[in-house]
Each structure stands twice: as structure tokens, then as C-alpha cells.
Amino acid sequence: MSLDVTLIGGSTEIPCTCSCGHKHMKSEEAEHFSANITHNLNKMADAAGIYQAIWRPEEIAAVRARDLIVPLTAGLAGLRLNPEKFKAFNPGNKWGDYKGFVAWVERYLNACIEHPDARIRAER
């Protein structure tokens, strides 16, 4: 089982490909970031104080990427500050680990910073 997170926002105009013969444009929502993470790392996320921000953003009223910048920044700092504490949460089945989770959180945070107005979609 895994979590898919996506940052969606704005729209881009793309040429219509229908067979109507008209030369018009249609809008399509832009996907700014999409990533998947195993549920095996949710205890590590919880220990870092970022479980809700990542898995359940709606529970902390996070709607836009900007809403995640502060919690993800704090969580990432905590993860980096005490790696041994968080490595203890590495799953026994080897699906996910501390190093991969830190890199994933960093990519997600950077995407939130780059696209602060994007809407958050978390699919569990």
C-alpha cells in the first residue's frame, strides 16, 4: 500500500484534438508534482511530526502547497537532526527507509516552495 501526493494548479491552454474541425483551445489543469511513498514510513513521519501534513493534509486544513511549507520544513529539519532516532523506524520488510524518506520529503517541500498556490491531493 502506498500514498500518492500531487500538486495541481492553474491550467494550461492546449490545442483541441477533437474532430470538430474548429481551431480552439481547451484548458487542462497543470500537474506540478506527483510522488508516491510507501505506507511503511508513516510511523517515521508521525515521529517527525509530519504525518498529517503528508498523509492527511485535510485534517490540518492544508489545501494549498503553501500550507505545507512550515510543517515540512520543521519535519525535515528534525529528520536530519537525529537520523538514528528515525532510522529505528525503518520497516523490517525493507520497503522504504530513512534515507529515501528524507529525500522524498525534500523533493515534496521544494515542489511546495516552487508552486505555493497549487492544490494538494493526497490519495491513500
C-alpha atoms as a PDB file:
ATOM      1  CA  MET A   1       0.000   0.000   0.000  1.00  0.00           C
ATOM      2  CA  SER A   2       1.158   3.498  -0.696  1.00  0.00           C
ATOM      3  CA  LEU A   3       0.308   7.167  -0.740  1.00  0.00           C
ATOM      4  CA  ASP A   4       0.177   9.312  -3.876  1.00  0.00           C
ATOM      5  CA  VAL A   5       0.579  13.062  -3.463  1.00  0.00           C
ATOM      6  CA  THR A   6       0.047  15.544  -6.262  1.00  0.00           C
ATOM      7  CA  LEU A   7       0.274  19.314  -6.505  1.00  0.00           C
ATOM      8  CA  ILE A   8      -2.192  20.650  -9.058  1.00  0.00           C
ATOM      9  CA  GLY A   9      -2.779  24.189 -10.088  1.00  0.00           C
ATOM     10  CA  GLY A  10      -3.676  26.613 -12.752  1.00  0.00           C
ATOM     11  CA  SER A  11      -4.449  25.495 -16.220  1.00  0.00           C
ATOM     12  CA  THR A  12      -2.591  25.448 -19.438  1.00  0.00           C
ATOM     13  CA  GLU A  13      -4.080  26.022 -22.857  1.00  0.00           C
ATOM     14  CA  ILE A  14      -3.567  23.092 -25.177  1.00  0.00           C
ATOM     15  CA  PRO A  15      -4.802  22.643 -28.761  1.00  0.00           C
ATOM     16  CA  CYS A  16      -8.085  20.796 -29.022  1.00  0.00           C
ATOM     17  CA  THR A  17      -7.695  17.412 -30.665  1.00  0.00           C
ATOM     18  CA  CYS A  18     -11.364  16.699 -31.229  1.00  0.00           C
ATOM     19  CA  SER A  19     -12.660  16.062 -34.729  1.00  0.00           C
ATOM     20  CA  CYS A  20     -14.990  19.067 -34.822  1.00  0.00           C
ATOM     21  CA  GLY A  21     -12.765  20.947 -37.248  1.00  0.00           C
ATOM     22  CA  HIS A  22     -12.660  24.091 -35.141  1.00  0.00           C
ATOM     23  CA  LYS A  23      -9.369  25.631 -34.175  1.00  0.00           C
ATOM     24  CA  HIS A  24      -9.928  26.232 -30.496  1.00  0.00           C
ATOM     25  CA  MET A  25      -8.041  25.628 -27.315  1.00  0.00           C
ATOM     26  CA  LYS A  26      -9.076  23.710 -24.243  1.00  0.00           C
ATOM     27  CA  SER A  27      -7.849  24.130 -20.699  1.00  0.00           C
ATOM     28  CA  GLU A  28      -6.156  21.354 -18.830  1.00  0.00           C
ATOM     29  CA  GLU A  29      -5.047  21.508 -15.203  1.00  0.00           C
ATOM     30  CA  ALA A  30      -1.300  21.555 -14.748  1.00  0.00           C
ATOM     31  CA  GLU A  31       0.271  18.885 -12.561  1.00  0.00           C
ATOM     32  CA  HIS A  32       3.300  20.414 -10.863  1.00  0.00           C
ATOM     33  CA  PHE A  33       4.429  17.495  -8.713  1.00  0.00           C
ATOM     34  CA  SER A  34       3.474  13.879  -8.262  1.00  0.00           C
ATOM     35  CA  ALA A  35       5.116  11.331  -5.991  1.00  0.00           C
ATOM     36  CA  ASN A  36       4.426   8.033  -4.310  1.00  0.00           C
ATOM     37  CA  ILE A  37       5.586   6.841  -0.885  1.00  0.00           C
ATOM     38  CA  THR A  38       5.034   3.581   0.971  1.00  0.00           C
ATOM     39  CA  HIS A  39       2.713   3.496   3.963  1.00  0.00           C
ATOM     40  CA  ASN A  40       5.534   1.675   5.763  1.00  0.00           C
ATOM     41  CA  LEU A  41       7.050   5.094   6.506  1.00  0.00           C
ATOM     42  CA  ASN A  42       4.006   6.607   8.204  1.00  0.00           C
ATOM     43  CA  LYS A  43       5.358   5.885  11.706  1.00  0.00           C
ATOM     44  CA  MET A  44       8.587   7.688  10.827  1.00  0.00           C
ATOM     45  CA  ALA A  45       6.526  10.605   9.519  1.00  0.00           C
ATOM     46  CA  ASP A  46       4.483  10.628  12.724  1.00  0.00           C
ATOM     47  CA  ALA A  47       7.622  10.657  14.873  1.00  0.00           C
ATOM     48  CA  ALA A  48       8.872  13.617  12.806  1.00  0.00           C
ATOM     49  CA  GLY A  49       5.565  15.439  13.327  1.00  0.00           C
ATOM     50  CA  ILE A  50       4.626  15.437   9.632  1.00  0.00           C
ATOM     51  CA  TYR A  51       2.232  12.504   9.312  1.00  0.00           C
ATOM     52  CA  GLN A  52      -0.851  14.677   8.944  1.00  0.00           C
ATOM     53  CA  ALA A  53       0.870  17.145   6.616  1.00  0.00           C
ATOM     54  CA  ILE A  54       1.805  14.312   4.270  1.00  0.00           C
ATOM     55  CA  TRP A  55      -0.876  11.634   4.647  1.00  0.00           C
ATOM     56  CA  ARG A  56      -3.869  13.686   5.806  1.00  0.00           C
ATOM     57  CA  PRO A  57      -3.412  17.352   4.898  1.00  0.00           C
ATOM     58  CA  GLU A  58      -7.152  17.976   5.107  1.00  0.00           C
ATOM     59  CA  GLU A  59      -7.016  17.268   8.861  1.00  0.00           C
ATOM     60  CA  ILE A  60      -4.773  20.309   9.362  1.00  0.00           C
ATOM     61  CA  ALA A  61      -6.709  22.452   6.858  1.00  0.00           C
ATOM     62  CA  ALA A  62      -3.857  22.294   4.329  1.00  0.00           C
ATOM     63  CA  VAL A  63      -5.367  22.976   0.917  1.00  0.00           C
ATOM     64  CA  ARG A  64      -2.569  24.747  -0.957  1.00  0.00           C
ATOM     65  CA  ALA A  65       1.098  23.799  -1.177  1.00  0.00           C
ATOM     66  CA  ARG A  66       1.995  26.915   0.829  1.00  0.00           C
ATOM     67  CA  ASP A  67       0.163  25.347   3.787  1.00  0.00           C
ATOM     68  CA  LEU A  68       2.746  22.550   3.913  1.00  0.00           C
ATOM     69  CA  ILE A  69       5.921  24.635   3.759  1.00  0.00           C
ATOM     70  CA  VAL A  70       6.230  25.272   7.509  1.00  0.00           C
ATOM     71  CA  PRO A  71       5.414  21.739   8.723  1.00  0.00           C
ATOM     72  CA  LEU A  72       7.553  20.037   6.075  1.00  0.00           C
ATOM     73  CA  THR A  73      10.470  22.382   6.772  1.00  0.00           C
ATOM     74  CA  ALA A  74      10.284  21.635  10.507  1.00  0.00           C
ATOM     75  CA  GLY A  75       9.844  17.913   9.941  1.00  0.00           C
ATOM     76  CA  LEU A  76      12.764  17.721   7.529  1.00  0.00           C
ATOM     77  CA  ALA A  77      14.979  19.611   9.978  1.00  0.00           C
ATOM     78  CA  GLY A  78      14.031  17.157  12.720  1.00  0.00           C
ATOM     79  CA  LEU A  79      14.703  14.172  10.493  1.00  0.00           C
ATOM     80  CA  ARG A  80      18.158  15.481   9.645  1.00  0.00           C
ATOM     81  CA  LEU A  81      18.975  16.476  13.217  1.00  0.00           C
ATOM     82  CA  ASN A  82      18.587  12.994  14.689  1.00  0.00           C
ATOM     83  CA  PRO A  83      18.977  10.331  11.987  1.00  0.00           C
ATOM     84  CA  GLU A  84      19.493   7.439  14.419  1.00  0.00           C
ATOM     85  CA  LYS A  85      16.172   8.143  16.112  1.00  0.00           C
ATOM     86  CA  PHE A  86      14.361   7.930  12.784  1.00  0.00           C
ATOM     87  CA  LYS A  87      16.338   5.023  11.350  1.00  0.00           C
ATOM     88  CA  ALA A  88      14.799   2.991  14.183  1.00  0.00           C
ATOM     89  CA  PHE A  89      11.522   3.319  12.241  1.00  0.00           C
ATOM     90  CA  ASN A  90      12.936   1.682   9.099  1.00  0.00           C
ATOM     91  CA  PRO A  91      10.447  -1.060   8.218  1.00  0.00           C
ATOM     92  CA  GLY A  92      11.587  -4.635   8.729  1.00  0.00           C
ATOM     93  CA  ASN A  93      10.374  -5.646   5.276  1.00  0.00           C
ATOM     94  CA  LYS A  94      12.849  -3.158   3.699  1.00  0.00           C
ATOM     95  CA  TRP A  95      10.083  -1.337   1.782  1.00  0.00           C
ATOM     96  CA  GLY A  96      11.197   2.228   2.454  1.00  0.00           C
ATOM     97  CA  ASP A  97      13.918   3.631   4.666  1.00  0.00           C
ATOM     98  CA  TYR A  98      15.151   6.777   6.389  1.00  0.00           C
ATOM     99  CA  LYS A  99      17.412   7.908   3.549  1.00  0.00           C
ATOM    100  CA  GLY A 100      14.694   7.561   0.928  1.00  0.00           C
ATOM    101  CA  PHE A 101      12.112   9.266   3.121  1.00  0.00           C
ATOM    102  CA  VAL A 102      14.343  12.283   3.774  1.00  0.00           C
ATOM    103  CA  ALA A 103      14.954  12.654   0.017  1.00  0.00           C
ATOM    104  CA  TRP A 104      11.214  12.298  -0.684  1.00  0.00           C
ATOM    105  CA  VAL A 105      10.249  14.940   1.904  1.00  0.00           C
ATOM    106  CA  GLU A 106      12.886  17.284   0.499  1.00  0.00           C
ATOM    107  CA  ARG A 107      11.503  16.906  -3.056  1.00  0.00           C
ATOM    108  CA  TYR A 108       7.944  17.461  -1.821  1.00  0.00           C
ATOM    109  CA  LEU A 109       8.974  20.551   0.172  1.00  0.00           C
ATOM    110  CA  ASN A 110      10.841  22.010  -2.815  1.00  0.00           C
ATOM    111  CA  ALA A 111       7.781  21.471  -5.013  1.00  0.00           C
ATOM    112  CA  CYS A 112       5.609  23.246  -2.419  1.00  0.00           C
ATOM    113  CA  ILE A 113       8.020  26.184  -2.383  1.00  0.00           C
ATOM    114  CA  GLU A 114       8.108  26.345  -6.194  1.00  0.00           C
ATOM    115  CA  HIS A 115       4.312  26.087  -6.561  1.00  0.00           C
ATOM    116  CA  PRO A 116       2.780  27.599  -3.397  1.00  0.00           C
ATOM    117  CA  ASP A 117      -0.637  28.167  -4.990  1.00  0.00           C
ATOM    118  CA  ALA A 118      -1.026  24.569  -6.191  1.00  0.00           C
ATOM    119  CA  ARG A 119      -3.781  22.471  -4.635  1.00  0.00           C
ATOM    120  CA  ILE A 120      -2.798  19.394  -2.630  1.00  0.00           C
ATOM    121  CA  ARG A 121      -4.202  15.980  -3.483  1.00  0.00           C
ATOM    122  CA  ALA A 122      -3.327  13.074  -1.197  1.00  0.00           C
ATOM    123  CA  GLU A 123      -4.692   9.678  -2.259  1.00  0.00           C
ATOM    124  CA  ARG A 124      -4.408   6.935   0.314  1.00  0.00           C
END
